[in-house]
């Protein structure tokens, strides 16, 4: 399966109140629908007051200490390969 990796801007550690952009990069194919997950519970993140999910980018507005956690992304599509595998989780550190 294609693997997905995450990039984070700005680099760790981030400071309380900053806006953080996480971008999901999948190495091959196209037409991906991106899913974003946080923490050991694998909570799927949706657009809310705090998060903006914009395709391959997750924006966290006004980072707070409870955002310090692990994040990862996954791609889904209609044709084979139907999903990607997450290569690594990114740990966000908030100071």
C-alpha atoms as a PDB file:
ATOM      1  CA  UNK A   1       0.000   0.000   0.000  1.00  0.00           C
ATOM      2  CA  UNK A   2       1.126   3.600  -0.514  1.00  0.00           C
ATOM      3  CA  UNK A   3       2.413   5.161   2.690  1.00  0.00           C
ATOM      4  CA  UNK A   4       1.475   8.535   4.143  1.00  0.00           C
ATOM      5  CA  UNK A   5       3.834  10.854   5.988  1.00  0.00           C
ATOM      6  CA  UNK A   6       3.152  14.044   7.914  1.00  0.00           C
ATOM      7  CA  UNK A   7       4.891  17.387   7.835  1.00  0.00           C
ATOM      8  CA  UNK A   8       4.382  19.989  10.579  1.00  0.00           C
ATOM      9  CA  UNK A   9       4.798  23.769  10.329  1.00  0.00           C
ATOM     10  CA  UNK A  10       6.109  25.468  12.380  1.00  0.00           C
ATOM     11  CA  UNK A  11       8.593  22.897  13.682  1.00  0.00           C
ATOM     12  CA  UNK A  12       8.281  21.430  17.189  1.00  0.00           C
ATOM     13  CA  UNK A  13       7.989  22.694  19.805  1.00  0.00           C
ATOM     14  CA  UNK A  14       5.062  24.992  19.102  1.00  0.00           C
ATOM     15  CA  UNK A  15       3.882  27.701  21.467  1.00  0.00           C
ATOM     16  CA  UNK A  16       0.443  28.134  23.010  1.00  0.00           C
ATOM     17  CA  UNK A  17      -1.741  30.312  20.779  1.00  0.00           C
ATOM     18  CA  UNK A  18       0.118  29.579  17.538  1.00  0.00           C
ATOM     19  CA  UNK A  19      -1.554  28.171  14.427  1.00  0.00           C
ATOM     20  CA  UNK A  20      -0.139  24.815  13.322  1.00  0.00           C
ATOM     21  CA  UNK A  21      -0.427  23.263   9.846  1.00  0.00           C
ATOM     22  CA  UNK A  22      -0.080  19.495   9.442  1.00  0.00           C
ATOM     23  CA  UNK A  23       0.166  18.286   5.847  1.00  0.00           C
ATOM     24  CA  UNK A  24      -0.406  14.695   4.716  1.00  0.00           C
ATOM     25  CA  UNK A  25       1.818  13.464   1.879  1.00  0.00           C
ATOM     26  CA  UNK A  26       0.929  10.183   0.127  1.00  0.00           C
ATOM     27  CA  UNK A  27       3.679   8.945  -2.159  1.00  0.00           C
ATOM     28  CA  UNK A  28       1.665   7.722  -5.147  1.00  0.00           C
ATOM     29  CA  UNK A  29      -1.701   7.846  -6.944  1.00  0.00           C
ATOM     30  CA  UNK A  30      -4.191  10.694  -6.588  1.00  0.00           C
ATOM     31  CA  UNK A  31      -7.871  11.337  -5.761  1.00  0.00           C
ATOM     32  CA  UNK A  32      -7.249  10.711  -2.063  1.00  0.00           C
ATOM     33  CA  UNK A  33      -9.783  11.620   0.599  1.00  0.00           C
ATOM     34  CA  UNK A  34      -7.767  12.435   3.697  1.00  0.00           C
ATOM     35  CA  UNK A  35      -8.682  11.344   7.219  1.00  0.00           C
ATOM     36  CA  UNK A  36      -7.002  12.848  10.268  1.00  0.00           C
ATOM     37  CA  UNK A  37      -6.513  11.103  13.615  1.00  0.00           C
ATOM     38  CA  UNK A  38      -5.285  12.112  17.043  1.00  0.00           C
ATOM     39  CA  UNK A  39      -4.087  10.255  20.122  1.00  0.00           C
ATOM     40  CA  UNK A  40      -4.123   6.676  21.321  1.00  0.00           C
ATOM     41  CA  UNK A  41      -7.934   6.575  20.971  1.00  0.00           C
ATOM     42  CA  UNK A  42      -7.601   7.253  17.213  1.00  0.00           C
ATOM     43  CA  UNK A  43     -10.162  10.054  17.368  1.00  0.00           C
ATOM     44  CA  UNK A  44     -11.026  11.137  13.823  1.00  0.00           C
ATOM     45  CA  UNK A  45     -10.788  14.928  13.596  1.00  0.00           C
ATOM     46  CA  UNK A  46     -13.493  17.000  11.914  1.00  0.00           C
ATOM     47  CA  UNK A  47     -13.679  20.699  11.131  1.00  0.00           C
ATOM     48  CA  UNK A  48     -14.760  22.574  14.290  1.00  0.00           C
ATOM     49  CA  UNK A  49     -14.005  25.822  16.137  1.00  0.00           C
ATOM     50  CA  UNK A  50     -10.539  24.462  16.857  1.00  0.00           C
ATOM     51  CA  UNK A  51      -9.651  22.386  13.775  1.00  0.00           C
ATOM     52  CA  UNK A  52      -9.936  23.072  10.072  1.00  0.00           C
ATOM     53  CA  UNK A  53      -9.689  20.010   7.819  1.00  0.00           C
ATOM     54  CA  UNK A  54      -8.867  21.238   4.319  1.00  0.00           C
ATOM     55  CA  UNK A  55      -8.078  18.251   2.084  1.00  0.00           C
ATOM     56  CA  UNK A  56      -4.501  17.194   2.756  1.00  0.00           C
ATOM     57  CA  UNK A  57      -4.011  19.835   5.493  1.00  0.00           C
ATOM     58  CA  UNK A  58      -5.129  19.922   9.129  1.00  0.00           C
ATOM     59  CA  UNK A  59      -4.988  23.398  10.686  1.00  0.00           C
ATOM     60  CA  UNK A  60      -5.045  23.734  14.482  1.00  0.00           C
ATOM     61  CA  UNK A  61      -6.002  27.290  15.413  1.00  0.00           C
ATOM     62  CA  UNK A  62      -4.715  28.706  18.695  1.00  0.00           C
ATOM     63  CA  UNK A  63      -2.846  25.655  19.959  1.00  0.00           C
ATOM     64  CA  UNK A  64      -3.486  24.740  23.628  1.00  0.00           C
ATOM     65  CA  UNK A  65      -1.686  22.272  25.885  1.00  0.00           C
ATOM     66  CA  UNK A  66      -4.299  19.540  25.299  1.00  0.00           C
ATOM     67  CA  UNK A  67      -3.255  19.541  21.615  1.00  0.00           C
ATOM     68  CA  UNK A  68       0.037  17.961  22.680  1.00  0.00           C
ATOM     69  CA  UNK A  69      -0.429  14.440  21.330  1.00  0.00           C
ATOM     70  CA  UNK A  70       0.296  12.136  18.400  1.00  0.00           C
ATOM     71  CA  UNK A  71      -1.273  12.806  14.999  1.00  0.00           C
ATOM     72  CA  UNK A  72      -1.450  10.775  11.818  1.00  0.00           C
ATOM     73  CA  UNK A  73      -3.312  10.745   8.529  1.00  0.00           C
ATOM     74  CA  UNK A  74      -4.758   8.151   6.198  1.00  0.00           C
ATOM     75  CA  UNK A  75      -5.969   8.335   2.606  1.00  0.00           C
ATOM     76  CA  UNK A  76      -9.045   6.604   1.164  1.00  0.00           C
ATOM     77  CA  UNK A  77     -10.026   6.348  -2.504  1.00  0.00           C
ATOM     78  CA  UNK A  78     -12.589   4.549  -4.663  1.00  0.00           C
ATOM     79  CA  UNK A  79     -10.173   2.493  -6.773  1.00  0.00           C
ATOM     80  CA  UNK A  80      -7.306   0.190  -5.869  1.00  0.00           C
ATOM     81  CA  UNK A  81      -5.312   0.834  -3.812  1.00  0.00           C
ATOM     82  CA  UNK A  82      -8.312   1.894  -1.721  1.00  0.00           C
ATOM     83  CA  UNK A  83      -6.367   3.108   1.301  1.00  0.00           C
ATOM     84  CA  UNK A  84      -2.916   4.193   2.409  1.00  0.00           C
ATOM     85  CA  UNK A  85      -0.997   3.026   5.437  1.00  0.00           C
ATOM     86  CA  UNK A  86       0.379   5.489   7.946  1.00  0.00           C
ATOM     87  CA  UNK A  87       4.150   5.276   8.054  1.00  0.00           C
ATOM     88  CA  UNK A  88       4.633   7.276  11.210  1.00  0.00           C
ATOM     89  CA  UNK A  89       2.841   9.281  13.830  1.00  0.00           C
ATOM     90  CA  UNK A  90       3.951  12.827  14.532  1.00  0.00           C
ATOM     91  CA  UNK A  91       4.181  13.973  18.142  1.00  0.00           C
ATOM     92  CA  UNK A  92       3.213  17.601  18.625  1.00  0.00           C
ATOM     93  CA  UNK A  93       4.906  19.308  21.589  1.00  0.00           C
ATOM     94  CA  UNK A  94       3.227  22.430  23.018  1.00  0.00           C
ATOM     95  CA  UNK A  95       5.172  24.742  25.335  1.00  0.00           C
END
